[in-house]
Protein backbone atom coordinates (compact mmCIF):
# COMPACT_ATOMS: atom_id res chain seq x y z
CA MET A 1 36.25 -11.90 -6.14
CA LYS A 2 37.89 -9.51 -3.70
CA LYS A 3 35.25 -6.93 -4.49
CA ILE A 4 32.50 -9.39 -3.59
CA LEU A 5 34.16 -10.24 -0.29
CA PHE A 6 34.35 -6.57 0.61
CA VAL A 7 30.57 -6.26 0.26
CA ILE A 8 30.03 -9.39 2.33
CA LEU A 9 32.17 -8.12 5.14
CA PHE A 10 30.92 -4.62 5.60
CA PHE A 11 27.37 -4.06 4.33
CA PRO A 12 25.63 -6.68 6.53
CA LEU A 13 27.34 -5.20 9.57
CA LEU A 14 25.23 -2.10 9.05
CA ALA A 15 22.00 -4.05 8.65
CA VAL A 16 22.11 -6.38 11.67
CA ALA A 17 23.69 -6.17 15.09
CA GLN A 18 26.48 -8.74 15.37
CA THR A 19 29.54 -9.14 17.59
CA VAL A 20 32.79 -9.36 15.65
CA THR A 21 36.44 -8.83 16.46
CA GLU A 22 38.13 -5.85 14.90
CA GLY A 23 40.55 -6.85 12.14
CA GLN A 24 39.26 -10.42 11.98
CA PHE A 25 38.01 -11.82 8.67
CA THR A 26 34.29 -12.32 9.37
CA LEU A 27 31.35 -13.19 7.14
CA ILE A 28 27.75 -12.38 8.01
CA TYR A 29 24.74 -13.65 6.10
CA SER A 30 21.00 -13.71 6.65
CA LEU A 31 18.32 -16.09 5.48
CA PRO A 32 15.13 -14.60 4.01
CA LYS A 33 11.71 -14.26 5.53
CA THR A 34 8.43 -13.23 3.95
CA GLU A 35 6.29 -10.44 5.33
CA PHE A 36 2.89 -9.38 4.07
CA GLU A 37 2.20 -5.78 3.12
CA ILE A 38 -1.55 -5.13 3.14
CA THR A 39 -2.51 -2.01 1.22
CA ALA A 40 -5.95 -0.50 1.75
CA ASP A 41 -7.17 2.06 -0.78
CA VAL A 42 -9.54 4.24 1.20
CA GLU A 43 -11.80 7.18 0.45
CA ARG A 44 -12.01 9.92 3.06
CA ILE A 45 -15.36 11.60 2.46
CA THR A 46 -16.15 15.02 3.90
CA GLU A 47 -19.71 16.37 3.75
CA THR A 48 -20.08 20.11 4.36
CA PRO A 49 -23.47 21.86 4.57
CA GLY A 50 -24.13 24.85 2.35
CA GLU A 51 -24.58 28.35 3.73
CA PHE A 52 -28.25 28.39 2.74
CA TYR A 53 -29.22 24.77 3.47
CA GLN A 54 -32.12 25.91 5.67
CA TYR A 55 -33.74 27.60 2.67
CA SER A 56 -33.25 24.82 0.13
CA GLU A 57 -36.84 23.58 0.29
CA ARG A 58 -38.29 27.08 0.12
CA TYR A 59 -36.30 28.32 -2.88
CA LEU A 60 -35.17 25.14 -4.71
CA ALA A 61 -37.98 22.77 -3.68
CA THR A 62 -35.59 20.11 -2.41
CA SER A 63 -34.99 18.59 1.03
CA ASP A 64 -32.17 16.28 -0.07
CA VAL A 65 -29.40 18.41 1.42
CA ILE A 66 -26.46 18.08 3.82
CA THR A 67 -27.42 19.62 7.16
CA SER A 68 -24.27 18.98 9.24
CA LYS A 69 -20.57 18.44 8.67
CA ARG A 70 -19.55 14.79 8.61
CA VAL A 71 -16.32 12.91 7.85
CA TYR A 72 -16.34 9.18 7.18
CA PHE A 73 -14.22 6.53 5.46
CA ARG A 74 -15.02 4.00 2.76
CA LEU A 75 -12.85 1.02 1.76
CA LYS A 76 -12.36 0.82 -2.02
CA SER A 77 -9.95 -2.10 -2.36
CA LEU A 78 -7.60 -4.32 -0.38
CA GLN A 79 -4.38 -5.90 -1.64
CA LEU A 80 -1.85 -8.27 -0.09
CA THR A 81 1.74 -8.22 -1.39
CA PRO A 82 4.47 -10.60 -0.14
CA LYS A 83 7.84 -8.95 0.49
CA THR A 84 11.22 -10.62 1.04
CA VAL A 85 13.41 -9.19 3.82
CA ALA A 86 16.40 -10.38 5.83
CA ASP A 87 15.46 -12.41 8.90
CA PRO A 88 17.29 -11.06 12.00
CA ASP A 89 16.48 -14.30 13.86
CA ARG A 90 18.31 -16.27 11.18
CA THR A 91 21.41 -14.16 10.75
CA TYR A 92 24.73 -15.93 11.20
CA THR A 93 28.37 -14.98 11.67
CA ILE A 94 31.15 -17.16 10.28
CA ILE A 95 34.93 -16.91 10.72
CA PRO A 96 36.18 -19.10 7.85
CA SER A 97 39.43 -20.99 8.02
CA LYS A 98 42.15 -20.51 5.41
CA ARG A 99 41.28 -21.78 1.92
CA SER A 100 37.75 -22.52 3.07
CA LEU A 101 34.97 -22.59 0.50
CA ILE A 102 32.95 -20.42 2.87
CA SER A 103 35.25 -17.51 2.09
CA LEU A 104 33.54 -17.45 -1.34
CA LEU A 105 30.11 -16.94 0.24
CA THR A 106 27.89 -14.38 -1.54
CA VAL A 107 25.03 -12.22 -0.31
CA ASN A 108 22.86 -9.61 -2.02
CA ASP A 109 22.50 -5.95 -1.06
CA GLN A 110 20.11 -6.93 1.77
CA GLY A 111 22.65 -9.33 3.25
CA ILE A 112 20.59 -12.38 2.21
CA LEU A 113 22.47 -15.53 1.23
CA CYS A 114 22.76 -16.15 -2.54
CA GLY A 115 25.22 -19.05 -2.54
CA ILE A 116 28.92 -19.78 -2.79
CA ASN A 117 31.18 -18.61 -5.61
CA VAL A 118 28.23 -17.02 -7.49
CA PRO A 119 27.40 -13.39 -8.34
CA PRO A 120 24.88 -11.77 -5.98
CA SER A 121 21.32 -11.73 -7.29
CA LYS A 122 18.92 -8.85 -6.86
CA ILE A 123 15.37 -8.90 -5.55
CA GLU A 124 13.22 -6.83 -7.86
CA LYS A 125 11.25 -4.08 -6.17
CA ASP A 126 8.11 -2.54 -7.58
CA VAL A 127 8.20 1.25 -7.63
CA GLN A 128 4.87 3.01 -7.84
CA ILE A 129 4.59 6.70 -8.56
CA GLU A 130 1.33 8.45 -7.76
CA ARG A 131 0.53 11.75 -9.36
CA LYS A 132 -2.23 14.02 -8.11
CA SER A 133 -3.56 17.21 -9.62
CA ASN A 134 -5.46 19.64 -7.43
CA LYS A 135 -8.16 21.62 -9.16
CA PRO A 136 -8.40 25.18 -7.80
CA VAL A 137 -11.58 25.87 -5.87
CA ARG A 138 -13.52 28.92 -6.93
CA SER A 139 -15.18 31.08 -4.33
CA THR A 140 -18.96 30.92 -4.70
CA LYS A 141 -19.31 34.29 -2.99
CA LYS A 142 -17.85 35.97 -6.08
CA LEU A 143 -20.51 34.29 -8.21
CA LEU A 144 -23.39 35.84 -6.28
CA PRO A 145 -24.79 38.73 -8.39
CA LEU A 146 -26.37 40.35 -5.37
CA THR A 147 -27.79 43.77 -6.06
CA GLU A 148 -27.91 46.58 -3.54
CA GLU A 149 -31.33 45.34 -2.46
CA TYR A 150 -29.94 42.03 -1.21
CA MET A 151 -26.68 43.41 0.17
CA LEU A 152 -28.33 46.07 2.31
CA ALA A 153 -30.90 43.66 3.69
CA GLY A 154 -28.22 41.90 5.75
CA SER A 155 -30.43 38.84 5.92
CA VAL A 156 -29.31 35.30 5.18
CA ALA A 157 -32.78 34.55 3.86
CA LYS A 158 -32.58 37.50 1.47
CA MET A 159 -29.14 36.42 0.23
CA ALA A 160 -30.46 32.89 -0.28
CA GLU A 161 -33.31 34.32 -2.32
CA GLY A 162 -30.81 36.22 -4.49
CA ALA A 163 -28.75 33.08 -5.07
CA ALA A 164 -31.85 31.09 -5.98
CA ARG A 165 -32.96 33.74 -8.47
CA HIS A 166 -29.59 33.59 -10.16
CA ILE A 167 -29.78 29.78 -10.39
CA TYR A 168 -33.09 30.03 -12.18
CA ARG A 169 -31.72 32.77 -14.44
CA ILE A 170 -28.80 30.54 -15.45
CA ARG A 171 -31.21 27.72 -16.26
CA GLU A 172 -33.38 30.01 -18.38
CA ASN A 173 -30.36 31.37 -20.26
CA LYS A 174 -29.17 27.85 -20.95
CA VAL A 175 -32.53 26.85 -22.39
CA ASP A 176 -32.61 29.98 -24.57
CA LEU A 177 -29.07 29.31 -25.76
CA LEU A 178 -29.87 25.75 -26.76
CA ALA A 179 -33.04 26.94 -28.51
CA GLY A 180 -31.16 29.72 -30.33
CA ASP A 181 -33.42 32.33 -28.77
CA VAL A 182 -30.59 34.74 -27.91
CA GLU A 183 -28.88 37.64 -29.67
CA TYR A 184 -25.57 35.81 -29.96
CA VAL A 185 -25.33 32.11 -30.75
CA PRO A 186 -21.88 30.52 -31.15
CA THR A 187 -21.22 29.48 -34.73
CA ASP A 188 -19.18 26.38 -33.87
CA GLY A 189 -19.86 23.42 -31.61
CA ALA A 190 -16.72 23.87 -29.47
CA SER A 191 -17.71 27.41 -28.40
CA MET A 192 -21.27 26.27 -27.66
CA LYS A 193 -19.96 23.40 -25.54
CA THR A 194 -17.65 25.75 -23.60
CA MET A 195 -20.48 28.17 -22.82
CA ILE A 196 -22.78 25.36 -21.66
CA GLU A 197 -20.04 23.93 -19.42
CA GLN A 198 -19.38 27.32 -17.83
CA MET A 199 -23.07 27.79 -17.12
CA ASP A 200 -23.37 24.28 -15.68
CA GLU A 201 -20.38 24.93 -13.40
CA GLN A 202 -21.82 28.21 -12.11
CA GLU A 203 -25.19 26.58 -11.50
CA LYS A 204 -23.60 23.70 -9.62
CA GLU A 205 -21.49 25.92 -7.37
CA LEU A 206 -24.48 28.13 -6.51
CA THR A 207 -26.68 25.09 -5.92
CA ASN A 208 -24.04 23.75 -3.50
CA LEU A 209 -24.78 26.78 -1.29
CA PHE A 210 -28.12 25.07 -0.62
CA THR A 211 -27.43 21.33 -0.99
CA GLY A 212 -23.87 21.29 0.43
CA THR A 213 -20.65 19.80 -0.92
CA THR A 214 -19.08 16.36 -0.75
CA THR A 215 -15.29 16.10 -1.02
CA VAL A 216 -13.66 12.73 -1.68
CA GLU A 217 -9.96 12.27 -0.86
CA ASN A 218 -8.18 9.08 -1.90
CA ILE A 219 -5.68 7.88 0.72
CA THR A 220 -3.60 4.72 1.20
CA GLN A 221 -3.25 2.93 4.53
CA LYS A 222 -0.74 0.08 4.95
CA ILE A 223 -0.28 -2.75 7.43
CA THR A 224 2.74 -5.06 7.71
CA PHE A 225 2.20 -8.58 9.03
CA VAL A 226 5.00 -11.09 9.61
CA PRO A 227 3.82 -14.73 9.73
CA THR A 228 5.34 -16.73 12.56
CA GLU A 229 2.90 -19.66 12.59
CA GLY A 230 -0.19 -21.03 10.95
CA VAL A 231 -3.40 -19.20 11.91
CA ASN A 232 -7.12 -19.62 11.26
CA ASP A 233 -9.47 -16.62 11.11
CA LYS A 234 -7.07 -14.34 12.95
CA ILE A 235 -8.26 -10.73 13.14
CA LEU A 236 -5.60 -8.81 11.22
CA PHE A 237 -7.14 -5.34 11.53
CA ARG A 238 -10.47 -3.61 11.66
CA PHE A 239 -11.99 -0.97 9.40
CA SER A 240 -13.89 1.88 10.98
CA SER A 241 -16.09 4.32 9.10
CA PHE A 242 -14.81 7.00 11.50
CA GLU A 243 -11.03 6.34 11.30
CA GLY A 244 -10.39 3.97 8.40
CA VAL A 245 -7.93 1.15 9.18
CA VAL A 246 -7.60 0.61 12.93
CA SER A 247 -5.99 -2.03 15.15
CA ALA A 248 -7.53 -5.44 15.77
CA ASP A 249 -8.35 -4.38 19.35
CA ASP A 250 -10.44 -1.39 18.27
CA LEU A 251 -14.00 -2.70 18.45
CA SER A 252 -15.38 0.33 16.59
CA GLY A 253 -14.46 -1.27 13.26
CA GLU A 254 -15.47 -4.28 11.22
CA PRO A 255 -12.97 -7.19 11.52
CA TYR A 256 -10.82 -8.37 8.62
CA TYR A 257 -9.26 -11.82 8.95
CA ILE A 258 -6.20 -13.70 7.75
CA SER A 259 -5.71 -17.47 7.54
CA ILE A 260 -2.37 -19.23 6.90
CA ASN A 261 -2.62 -22.99 6.42
CA TYR A 262 0.29 -25.29 5.60
CA ASN A 263 1.64 -28.77 6.25
CA PRO A 264 4.78 -28.71 8.43
CA ILE A 265 7.86 -30.40 6.99
CA LYS A 266 8.55 -33.80 8.56
CA VAL A 267 12.10 -33.92 9.86
CA GLU A 268 13.51 -37.15 11.21
CA PRO A 269 15.14 -36.65 14.64
CA VAL A 270 18.88 -37.24 14.91
CA GLU A 271 20.14 -38.98 18.04
CA LYS A 272 23.56 -37.34 18.12
CA LYS A 273 24.21 -34.24 16.10
CA ARG A 274 27.89 -33.77 15.43
CA ARG A 275 29.05 -30.18 15.82
CA VAL A 276 30.15 -28.76 12.50
CA LYS A 277 32.90 -26.19 12.68
CA GLU A 278 32.00 -24.49 9.42
CA GLU A 279 28.59 -24.74 7.82
CA VAL A 280 26.27 -22.57 5.72
CA LEU A 281 22.59 -23.00 6.45
CA THR A 282 19.75 -22.87 3.94
CA ILE A 283 16.00 -23.34 4.33
CA ILE A 284 13.48 -25.98 3.36
CA PRO A 285 10.61 -23.48 2.96
CA VAL A 286 6.93 -24.30 3.30
CA SER A 287 4.15 -23.50 0.89
CA ALA A 288 1.09 -22.04 2.63
CA GLN A 289 -2.42 -21.14 1.55
CA VAL A 290 -2.97 -17.50 2.54
CA SER A 291 -6.43 -15.88 2.64
CA LEU A 292 -7.49 -12.34 3.49
CA PHE A 293 -11.23 -11.79 3.96
CA ASN A 294 -14.07 -10.27 5.96
CA ASN A 295 -17.56 -11.53 6.63
CA ASP A 296 -18.73 -10.66 3.11
CA LYS A 297 -15.82 -11.00 0.69
CA VAL A 298 -12.51 -12.76 0.03
CA PHE A 299 -9.89 -10.18 -0.99
CA TYR A 300 -6.90 -12.50 -1.39
CA ASN A 301 -6.52 -16.27 -1.66
CA SER A 302 -3.27 -17.68 -2.99
CA GLU A 303 -0.46 -20.10 -2.26
CA LEU A 304 2.75 -18.46 -1.04
CA ILE A 305 6.18 -19.68 0.01
CA ILE A 306 7.02 -18.62 3.58
CA PRO A 307 10.69 -19.35 4.43
CA GLN A 308 10.56 -18.57 8.17
CA LEU A 309 8.06 -21.40 8.74
CA GLY A 310 10.44 -23.96 7.23
CA ASP A 311 13.38 -25.93 8.65
CA LEU A 312 17.11 -25.36 8.27
CA MET A 313 19.42 -27.49 6.15
CA PRO A 314 23.20 -27.09 5.70
CA LEU A 315 24.78 -26.75 2.28
CA PRO A 316 26.61 -29.95 1.16
CA LEU A 317 30.05 -28.33 1.24
CA LYS A 318 31.84 -31.68 1.14
CA THR A 319 30.66 -32.23 -2.42
CA MET A 320 32.22 -28.95 -3.61
CA ASP A 321 35.66 -27.82 -4.64
CA LYS A 322 37.15 -24.36 -5.36
CA LYS A 323 35.63 -24.27 -8.85
CA SER A 324 32.13 -25.32 -7.76
CA ARG A 325 29.21 -22.94 -7.53
CA ALA A 326 26.33 -23.41 -5.10
CA TYR A 327 23.14 -21.48 -5.80
CA VAL A 328 20.65 -20.48 -3.10
CA SER A 329 17.39 -18.61 -3.73
CA PRO A 330 17.47 -15.24 -1.88
CA GLU A 331 13.64 -15.14 -1.99
CA THR A 332 12.99 -18.51 -0.35
CA GLY A 333 16.35 -19.54 1.14
CA ARG A 334 16.11 -22.86 -0.69
CA PHE A 335 19.28 -24.64 -1.86
CA LEU A 336 18.94 -24.89 -5.65
CA THR A 337 21.92 -26.62 -7.21
CA ILE A 338 25.67 -27.12 -7.34
CA GLU A 339 27.54 -26.59 -10.60
CA LYS A 340 30.95 -28.12 -11.14
CA ASN A 341 33.53 -27.33 -13.81
CA LEU A 342 34.74 -30.62 -15.21
């Protein structure tokens, strides 16, 4: 038990600012609060015109091309995840008297109350690892089989003509290969597939010189919201096609709303509240209906327990002895039970 007391005394002192007297036996504990982590999976799309976009209709008979550079954002998905953290507004300091049950108080590694005379419980944390592989980009300039005729011309139009000729040559070679009308035809399907893929890749990269390229980058943007009251249709953030997730005050984006609806706990008023020298507070948490939505879609709608919106209740210490164990939920702050050794 001494080891547990050492953790109680020192670790919370690092987490929250409290005033204590040096050398004095002091306990610090926090009650939990729930915060919402909103994760937006966003695509950052960059459109870049090709070097020969002005000649796409002349040489490739297409006008569906990118003519100017443009960067914009697209929202793929939106998730809301409740997180339990220590509440600095409900952090308490106790100087227990000798042989007090409070000296057996237990907190977890976040300094959140777990109970009295019980082992500290842990709040599980989800760890996500994202792996990305970057495919090397080949230079299309090296693919241009420009002869001396095109190189000496020094004309963009002439170079575009050379690139277009090579595109058509690749297409013709591919047709001949599939028809078997070439000197060398691969004898196995794997080799044939590899050759076709290489030709398709060269054709695509040369065609991009006319039609342009579109690059899609997946990024994650996060918002943390701490509920302090019930709200209806509160603008949580906005999403802009130019910047992605922006603040609620930025009118350039589409609004996304949050609603938190719950029934407050009815607490009977006490005329005279006797001052208790030593007490450990817990929470009667509330259950709230939480919704995250925009004008077109509901992204999240679920019932969540929000401790900071509930009322405080002291542990019934008078019903305990030295061998009793009082359990408190570190996620909700709710008093769970008292176990006694008979």
